[in-house]
PDB file of N, CA and C in Angstrom:
ATOM      1  N   UNK A   1       2.065 -19.785  -4.121  1.00  0.00           N
ATOM      2  CA  UNK A   1       1.533 -18.590  -4.745  1.00  0.00           C
ATOM      3  C   UNK A   1       2.066 -17.376  -3.986  1.00  0.00           C
ATOM      4  N   UNK A   2       2.342 -16.309  -4.697  1.00  0.00           N
ATOM      5  CA  UNK A   2       2.847 -15.083  -4.090  1.00  0.00           C
ATOM      6  C   UNK A   2       1.772 -14.006  -4.176  1.00  0.00           C
ATOM      7  N   UNK A   3       1.571 -13.317  -3.054  1.00  0.00           N
ATOM      8  CA  UNK A   3       0.638 -12.179  -3.016  1.00  0.00           C
ATOM      9  C   UNK A   3       1.442 -10.916  -2.756  1.00  0.00           C
ATOM     10  N   UNK A   4       1.125  -9.893  -3.508  1.00  0.00           N
ATOM     11  CA  UNK A   4       1.737  -8.578  -3.308  1.00  0.00           C
ATOM     12  C   UNK A   4       0.628  -7.618  -2.906  1.00  0.00           C
ATOM     13  N   UNK A   5       0.818  -6.972  -1.772  1.00  0.00           N
ATOM     14  CA  UNK A   5      -0.196  -6.063  -1.236  1.00  0.00           C
ATOM     15  C   UNK A   5       0.369  -4.648  -1.231  1.00  0.00           C
ATOM     16  N   UNK A   6      -0.362  -3.736  -1.836  1.00  0.00           N
ATOM     17  CA  UNK A   6      -0.010  -2.315  -1.840  1.00  0.00           C
ATOM     18  C   UNK A   6      -1.024  -1.595  -0.961  1.00  0.00           C
ATOM     19  N   UNK A   7      -0.525  -0.871   0.033  1.00  0.00           N
ATOM     20  CA  UNK A   7      -1.392  -0.170   0.964  1.00  0.00           C
ATOM     21  C   UNK A   7      -1.067   1.317   0.891  1.00  0.00           C
ATOM     22  N   UNK A   8      -2.101   2.133   0.659  1.00  0.00           N
ATOM     23  CA  UNK A   8      -1.913   3.577   0.581  1.00  0.00           C
ATOM     24  C   UNK A   8      -3.000   4.267   1.394  1.00  0.00           C
ATOM     25  N   UNK A   9      -2.713   5.504   1.767  1.00  0.00           N
ATOM     26  CA  UNK A   9      -3.710   6.287   2.482  1.00  0.00           C
ATOM     27  C   UNK A   9      -4.851   6.642   1.540  1.00  0.00           C
ATOM     28  N   UNK A  10      -6.059   6.678   2.071  1.00  0.00           N
ATOM     29  CA  UNK A  10      -7.214   7.080   1.276  1.00  0.00           C
ATOM     30  C   UNK A  10      -7.082   8.559   0.909  1.00  0.00           C
ATOM     31  N   UNK A  11      -7.694   8.943  -0.205  1.00  0.00           N
ATOM     32  CA  UNK A  11      -7.666  10.368  -0.581  1.00  0.00           C
ATOM     33  C   UNK A  11      -8.267  11.213   0.542  1.00  0.00           C
ATOM     34  N   UNK A  12      -7.674  12.355   0.784  1.00  0.00           N
ATOM     35  CA  UNK A  12      -8.175  13.256   1.816  1.00  0.00           C
ATOM     36  C   UNK A  12      -7.528  13.049   3.177  1.00  0.00           C
ATOM     37  N   UNK A  13      -6.846  11.918   3.370  1.00  0.00           N
ATOM     38  CA  UNK A  13      -6.145  11.667   4.636  1.00  0.00           C
ATOM     39  C   UNK A  13      -4.782  12.339   4.552  1.00  0.00           C
ATOM     40  N   UNK A  14      -4.448  13.132   5.573  1.00  0.00           N
ATOM     41  CA  UNK A  14      -3.162  13.821   5.578  1.00  0.00           C
ATOM     42  C   UNK A  14      -2.017  12.809   5.576  1.00  0.00           C
ATOM     43  N   UNK A  15      -0.969  13.128   4.828  1.00  0.00           N
ATOM     44  CA  UNK A  15       0.182  12.244   4.690  1.00  0.00           C
ATOM     45  C   UNK A  15       1.456  13.020   5.022  1.00  0.00           C
ATOM     46  N   UNK A  16       1.798  13.154   6.317  1.00  0.00           N
ATOM     47  CA  UNK A  16       2.986  13.934   6.677  1.00  0.00           C
ATOM     48  C   UNK A  16       4.284  13.355   6.122  1.00  0.00           C
ATOM     49  N   UNK A  17       4.390  12.025   6.012  1.00  0.00           N
ATOM     50  CA  UNK A  17       5.605  11.434   5.427  1.00  0.00           C
ATOM     51  C   UNK A  17       5.702  11.780   3.948  1.00  0.00           C
ATOM     52  N   UNK A  18       4.582  11.750   3.251  1.00  0.00           N
ATOM     53  CA  UNK A  18       4.576  12.130   1.850  1.00  0.00           C
ATOM     54  C   UNK A  18       4.986  13.580   1.662  1.00  0.00           C
ATOM     55  N   UNK A  19       4.500  14.454   2.549  1.00  0.00           N
ATOM     56  CA  UNK A  19       4.875  15.875   2.474  1.00  0.00           C
ATOM     57  C   UNK A  19       6.371  16.051   2.733  1.00  0.00           C
ATOM     58  N   UNK A  20       6.919  15.297   3.696  1.00  0.00           N
ATOM     59  CA  UNK A  20       8.351  15.389   3.989  1.00  0.00           C
ATOM     60  C   UNK A  20       9.177  14.911   2.796  1.00  0.00           C
ATOM     61  N   UNK A  21       8.740  13.823   2.160  1.00  0.00           N
ATOM     62  CA  UNK A  21       9.440  13.321   0.970  1.00  0.00           C
ATOM     63  C   UNK A  21       9.369  14.354  -0.144  1.00  0.00           C
ATOM     64  N   UNK A  22       8.188  14.948  -0.335  1.00  0.00           N
ATOM     65  CA  UNK A  22       8.008  15.966  -1.374  1.00  0.00           C
ATOM     66  C   UNK A  22       8.942  17.149  -1.138  1.00  0.00           C
ATOM     67  N   UNK A  23       9.015  17.594   0.098  1.00  0.00           N
ATOM     68  CA  UNK A  23       9.898  18.717   0.446  1.00  0.00           C
ATOM     69  C   UNK A  23      11.363  18.348   0.186  1.00  0.00           C
ATOM     70  N   UNK A  24      11.767  17.140   0.575  1.00  0.00           N
ATOM     71  CA  UNK A  24      13.149  16.705   0.364  1.00  0.00           C
ATOM     72  C   UNK A  24      13.475  16.615  -1.129  1.00  0.00           C
ATOM     73  N   UNK A  25      12.554  16.079  -1.915  1.00  0.00           N
ATOM     74  CA  UNK A  25      12.775  16.005  -3.362  1.00  0.00           C
ATOM     75  C   UNK A  25      12.948  17.400  -3.956  1.00  0.00           C
ATOM     76  N   UNK A  26      12.085  18.328  -3.510  1.00  0.00           N
ATOM     77  CA  UNK A  26      12.168  19.700  -4.003  1.00  0.00           C
ATOM     78  C   UNK A  26      13.515  20.321  -3.640  1.00  0.00           C
ATOM     79  N   UNK A  27      13.984  20.078  -2.411  1.00  0.00           N
ATOM     80  CA  UNK A  27      15.267  20.656  -1.997  1.00  0.00           C
ATOM     81  C   UNK A  27      16.454  20.020  -2.727  1.00  0.00           C
ATOM     82  N   UNK A  28      16.262  18.819  -3.269  1.00  0.00           N
ATOM     83  CA  UNK A  28      17.307  18.163  -4.060  1.00  0.00           C
ATOM     84  C   UNK A  28      17.249  18.542  -5.537  1.00  0.00           C
ATOM     85  N   UNK A  29      16.313  19.418  -5.879  1.00  0.00           N
ATOM     86  CA  UNK A  29      16.221  19.903  -7.246  1.00  0.00           C
ATOM     87  C   UNK A  29      15.195  19.197  -8.108  1.00  0.00           C
ATOM     88  N   UNK A  30      14.423  18.301  -7.540  1.00  0.00           N
ATOM     89  CA  UNK A  30      13.368  17.608  -8.292  1.00  0.00           C
ATOM     90  C   UNK A  30      12.069  18.388  -8.150  1.00  0.00           C
ATOM     91  N   UNK A  31      11.993  19.515  -8.832  1.00  0.00           N
ATOM     92  CA  UNK A  31      10.861  20.432  -8.660  1.00  0.00           C
ATOM     93  C   UNK A  31       9.644  20.055  -9.498  1.00  0.00           C
ATOM     94  N   UNK A  32       9.739  19.062 -10.342  1.00  0.00           N
ATOM     95  CA  UNK A  32       8.625  18.687 -11.207  1.00  0.00           C
ATOM     96  C   UNK A  32       7.646  17.716 -10.557  1.00  0.00           C
ATOM     97  N   UNK A  33       7.762  17.466  -9.260  1.00  0.00           N
ATOM     98  CA  UNK A  33       6.865  16.542  -8.568  1.00  0.00           C
ATOM     99  C   UNK A  33       5.744  17.348  -7.926  1.00  0.00           C
ATOM    100  N   UNK A  34       4.498  17.068  -8.308  1.00  0.00           N
ATOM    101  CA  UNK A  34       3.361  17.817  -7.773  1.00  0.00           C
ATOM    102  C   UNK A  34       2.943  17.353  -6.379  1.00  0.00           C
ATOM    103  N   UNK A  35       2.979  16.053  -6.126  1.00  0.00           N
ATOM    104  CA  UNK A  35       2.528  15.538  -4.834  1.00  0.00           C
ATOM    105  C   UNK A  35       3.168  14.174  -4.589  1.00  0.00           C
ATOM    106  N   UNK A  36       3.286  13.783  -3.325  1.00  0.00           N
ATOM    107  CA  UNK A  36       3.830  12.476  -2.954  1.00  0.00           C
ATOM    108  C   UNK A  36       2.899  11.858  -1.921  1.00  0.00           C
ATOM    109  N   UNK A  37       2.533  10.603  -2.150  1.00  0.00           N
ATOM    110  CA  UNK A  37       1.767   9.826  -1.182  1.00  0.00           C
ATOM    111  C   UNK A  37       2.609   8.607  -0.847  1.00  0.00           C
ATOM    112  N   UNK A  38       2.902   8.401   0.408  1.00  0.00           N
ATOM    113  CA  UNK A  38       3.740   7.305   0.869  1.00  0.00           C
ATOM    114  C   UNK A  38       2.844   6.146   1.275  1.00  0.00           C
ATOM    115  N   UNK A  39       3.316   4.911   1.065  1.00  0.00           N
ATOM    116  CA  UNK A  39       2.513   3.750   1.414  1.00  0.00           C
ATOM    117  C   UNK A  39       3.371   2.580   1.858  1.00  0.00           C
ATOM    118  N   UNK A  40       2.758   1.400   1.878  1.00  0.00           N
ATOM    119  CA  UNK A  40       3.449   0.176   2.288  1.00  0.00           C
ATOM    120  C   UNK A  40       3.311  -0.865   1.184  1.00  0.00           C
ATOM    121  N   UNK A  41       4.296  -1.729   1.097  1.00  0.00           N
ATOM    122  CA  UNK A  41       4.303  -2.845   0.156  1.00  0.00           C
ATOM    123  C   UNK A  41       4.637  -4.102   0.939  1.00  0.00           C
ATOM    124  N   UNK A  42       3.817  -5.121   0.820  1.00  0.00           N
ATOM    125  CA  UNK A  42       4.017  -6.364   1.567  1.00  0.00           C
ATOM    126  C   UNK A  42       3.934  -7.532   0.590  1.00  0.00           C
ATOM    127  N   UNK A  43       4.912  -8.453   0.661  1.00  0.00           N
ATOM    128  CA  UNK A  43       4.890  -9.691  -0.128  1.00  0.00           C
ATOM    129  C   UNK A  43       4.622 -10.863   0.794  1.00  0.00           C
ATOM    130  N   UNK A  44       3.723 -11.719   0.365  1.00  0.00           N
ATOM    131  CA  UNK A  44       3.378 -12.920   1.128  1.00  0.00           C
ATOM    132  C   UNK A  44       3.563 -14.140   0.245  1.00  0.00           C
ATOM    133  N   UNK A  45       4.282 -15.146   0.735  1.00  0.00           N
ATOM    134  CA  UNK A  45       4.367 -16.434   0.049  1.00  0.00           C
ATOM    135  C   UNK A  45       3.308 -17.340   0.671  1.00  0.00           C
ATOM    136  N   UNK A  46       2.352 -17.752  -0.136  1.00  0.00           N
ATOM    137  CA  UNK A  46       1.205 -18.520   0.349  1.00  0.00           C
ATOM    138  C   UNK A  46       1.300 -19.979  -0.072  1.00  0.00           C
ATOM    139  N   UNK A  47       0.833 -20.864   0.784  1.00  0.00           N
ATOM    140  CA  UNK A  47       0.746 -22.278   0.446  1.00  0.00           C
ATOM    141  C   UNK A  47      -0.508 -22.565  -0.377  1.00  0.00           C
ATOM    142  N   UNK A  48      -1.493 -21.719  -0.256  1.00  0.00           N
ATOM    143  CA  UNK A  48      -2.775 -21.917  -0.947  1.00  0.00           C
ATOM    144  C   UNK A  48      -2.562 -21.943  -2.460  1.00  0.00           C
ATOM    145  N   UNK A  49      -3.204 -22.899  -3.141  1.00  0.00           N
ATOM    146  CA  UNK A  49      -3.088 -22.998  -4.603  1.00  0.00           C
ATOM    147  C   UNK A  49      -4.348 -22.514  -5.318  1.00  0.00           C
ATOM    148  N   UNK A  50      -5.453 -22.460  -4.599  1.00  0.00           N
ATOM    149  CA  UNK A  50      -6.704 -21.963  -5.185  1.00  0.00           C
ATOM    150  C   UNK A  50      -6.687 -20.435  -5.172  1.00  0.00           C
ATOM    151  N   UNK A  51      -6.747 -19.846  -6.354  1.00  0.00           N
ATOM    152  CA  UNK A  51      -6.606 -18.392  -6.508  1.00  0.00           C
ATOM    153  C   UNK A  51      -7.680 -17.610  -5.737  1.00  0.00           C
ATOM    154  N   UNK A  52      -8.917 -18.027  -5.832  1.00  0.00           N
ATOM    155  CA  UNK A  52     -10.013 -17.316  -5.158  1.00  0.00           C
ATOM    156  C   UNK A  52      -9.877 -17.404  -3.638  1.00  0.00           C
ATOM    157  N   UNK A  53      -9.503 -18.566  -3.141  1.00  0.00           N
ATOM    158  CA  UNK A  53      -9.310 -18.755  -1.698  1.00  0.00           C
ATOM    159  C   UNK A  53      -8.129 -17.915  -1.222  1.00  0.00           C
ATOM    160  N   UNK A  54      -7.055 -17.885  -2.008  1.00  0.00           N
ATOM    161  CA  UNK A  54      -5.877 -17.085  -1.652  1.00  0.00           C
ATOM    162  C   UNK A  54      -6.250 -15.605  -1.568  1.00  0.00           C
ATOM    163  N   UNK A  55      -6.989 -15.114  -2.558  1.00  0.00           N
ATOM    164  CA  UNK A  55      -7.395 -13.704  -2.557  1.00  0.00           C
ATOM    165  C   UNK A  55      -8.265 -13.397  -1.336  1.00  0.00           C
ATOM    166  N   UNK A  56      -9.207 -14.284  -1.044  1.00  0.00           N
ATOM    167  CA  UNK A  56     -10.078 -14.080   0.122  1.00  0.00           C
ATOM    168  C   UNK A  56      -9.265 -14.067   1.417  1.00  0.00           C
ATOM    169  N   UNK A  57      -8.306 -14.978   1.523  1.00  0.00           N
ATOM    170  CA  UNK A  57      -7.459 -15.021   2.720  1.00  0.00           C
ATOM    171  C   UNK A  57      -6.646 -13.738   2.876  1.00  0.00           C
ATOM    172  N   UNK A  58      -6.053 -13.265   1.787  1.00  0.00           N
ATOM    173  CA  UNK A  58      -5.229 -12.059   1.863  1.00  0.00           C
ATOM    174  C   UNK A  58      -6.102 -10.830   2.153  1.00  0.00           C
ATOM    175  N   UNK A  59      -7.284 -10.766   1.578  1.00  0.00           N
ATOM    176  CA  UNK A  59      -8.196  -9.665   1.897  1.00  0.00           C
ATOM    177  C   UNK A  59      -8.526  -9.668   3.380  1.00  0.00           C
ATOM    178  N   UNK A  60      -8.759 -10.854   3.935  1.00  0.00           N
ATOM    179  CA  UNK A  60      -9.049 -10.983   5.360  1.00  0.00           C
ATOM    180  C   UNK A  60      -7.843 -10.523   6.194  1.00  0.00           C
ATOM    181  N   UNK A  61      -6.640 -10.906   5.770  1.00  0.00           N
ATOM    182  CA  UNK A  61      -5.421 -10.467   6.464  1.00  0.00           C
ATOM    183  C   UNK A  61      -5.314  -8.942   6.457  1.00  0.00           C
ATOM    184  N   UNK A  62      -5.624  -8.347   5.314  1.00  0.00           N
ATOM    185  CA  UNK A  62      -5.542  -6.890   5.199  1.00  0.00           C
ATOM    186  C   UNK A  62      -6.548  -6.210   6.125  1.00  0.00           C
ATOM    187  N   UNK A  63      -7.770  -6.709   6.138  1.00  0.00           N
ATOM    188  CA  UNK A  63      -8.814  -6.101   6.971  1.00  0.00           C
ATOM    189  C   UNK A  63      -8.541  -6.275   8.469  1.00  0.00           C
ATOM    190  N   UNK A  64      -7.912  -7.395   8.840  1.00  0.00           N
ATOM    191  CA  UNK A  64      -7.696  -7.683  10.259  1.00  0.00           C
ATOM    192  C   UNK A  64      -6.364  -7.177  10.805  1.00  0.00           C
ATOM    193  N   UNK A  65      -5.334  -7.038   9.944  1.00  0.00           N
ATOM    194  CA  UNK A  65      -4.012  -6.705  10.459  1.00  0.00           C
ATOM    195  C   UNK A  65      -3.201  -5.756   9.583  1.00  0.00           C
ATOM    196  N   UNK A  66      -3.098  -6.059   8.311  1.00  0.00           N
ATOM    197  CA  UNK A  66      -2.114  -5.375   7.471  1.00  0.00           C
ATOM    198  C   UNK A  66      -2.453  -3.921   7.161  1.00  0.00           C
ATOM    199  N   UNK A  67      -3.740  -3.601   7.038  1.00  0.00           N
ATOM    200  CA  UNK A  67      -4.153  -2.241   6.688  1.00  0.00           C
ATOM    201  C   UNK A  67      -5.128  -1.700   7.731  1.00  0.00           C
ATOM    202  N   UNK A  68      -5.026  -0.423   7.980  1.00  0.00           N
ATOM    203  CA  UNK A  68      -6.014   0.262   8.808  1.00  0.00           C
ATOM    204  C   UNK A  68      -7.082   0.781   7.857  1.00  0.00           C
ATOM    205  N   UNK A  69      -8.155   0.016   7.698  1.00  0.00           N
ATOM    206  CA  UNK A  69      -9.140   0.313   6.651  1.00  0.00           C
ATOM    207  C   UNK A  69      -9.944   1.588   6.897  1.00  0.00           C
ATOM    208  N   UNK A  70      -9.780   2.198   8.062  1.00  0.00           N
ATOM    209  CA  UNK A  70     -10.427   3.484   8.309  1.00  0.00           C
ATOM    210  C   UNK A  70      -9.748   4.566   7.474  1.00  0.00           C
ATOM    211  N   UNK A  71      -8.416   4.491   7.379  1.00  0.00           N
ATOM    212  CA  UNK A  71      -7.674   5.553   6.666  1.00  0.00           C
ATOM    213  C   UNK A  71      -6.868   5.036   5.483  1.00  0.00           C
ATOM    214  N   UNK A  72      -6.800   3.706   5.298  1.00  0.00           N
ATOM    215  CA  UNK A  72      -5.982   3.147   4.220  1.00  0.00           C
ATOM    216  C   UNK A  72      -6.826   2.272   3.297  1.00  0.00           C
ATOM    217  N   UNK A  73      -6.371   2.194   2.057  1.00  0.00           N
ATOM    218  CA  UNK A  73      -6.965   1.266   1.093  1.00  0.00           C
ATOM    219  C   UNK A  73      -5.861   0.317   0.649  1.00  0.00           C
ATOM    220  N   UNK A  74      -6.248  -0.827   0.086  1.00  0.00           N
ATOM    221  CA  UNK A  74      -5.253  -1.798  -0.323  1.00  0.00           C
ATOM    222  C   UNK A  74      -5.645  -2.421  -1.654  1.00  0.00           C
ATOM    223  N   UNK A  75      -4.612  -2.903  -2.354  1.00  0.00           N
ATOM    224  CA  UNK A  75      -4.841  -3.673  -3.580  1.00  0.00           C
ATOM    225  C   UNK A  75      -3.953  -4.907  -3.503  1.00  0.00           C
ATOM    226  N   UNK A  76      -4.426  -5.982  -4.139  1.00  0.00           N
ATOM    227  CA  UNK A  76      -3.750  -7.264  -4.055  1.00  0.00           C
ATOM    228  C   UNK A  76      -3.451  -7.762  -5.465  1.00  0.00           C
ATOM    229  N   UNK A  77      -2.219  -8.215  -5.691  1.00  0.00           N
ATOM    230  CA  UNK A  77      -1.816  -8.869  -6.922  1.00  0.00           C
ATOM    231  C   UNK A  77      -1.378 -10.288  -6.560  1.00  0.00           C
ATOM    232  N   UNK A  78      -1.874 -11.267  -7.292  1.00  0.00           N
ATOM    233  CA  UNK A  78      -1.497 -12.656  -7.053  1.00  0.00           C
ATOM    234  C   UNK A  78      -0.725 -13.210  -8.249  1.00  0.00           C
ATOM    235  N   UNK A  79       0.334 -13.989  -7.958  1.00  0.00           N
ATOM    236  CA  UNK A  79       1.101 -14.688  -9.006  1.00  0.00           C
ATOM    237  C   UNK A  79       1.025 -16.164  -8.744  1.00  0.00           C
TER     238      UNK A  79
END
């Protein structure tokens, strides 16, 4: 089973990388972008075949290592 984890900063948390990307896009002529939030994408190949157990395991991984839950939120997609 494959898990895809998307990690982004929570609303209200400053995102200096997003601001830098926004500024660079604007300087390249892409002026129609209102805001940019930068995040992380992680793919995991899991041996687990039980969907609920896999989701619980990946949530645990996110809370313990992959995401800083004080300032980041995460979403999980399983295939």
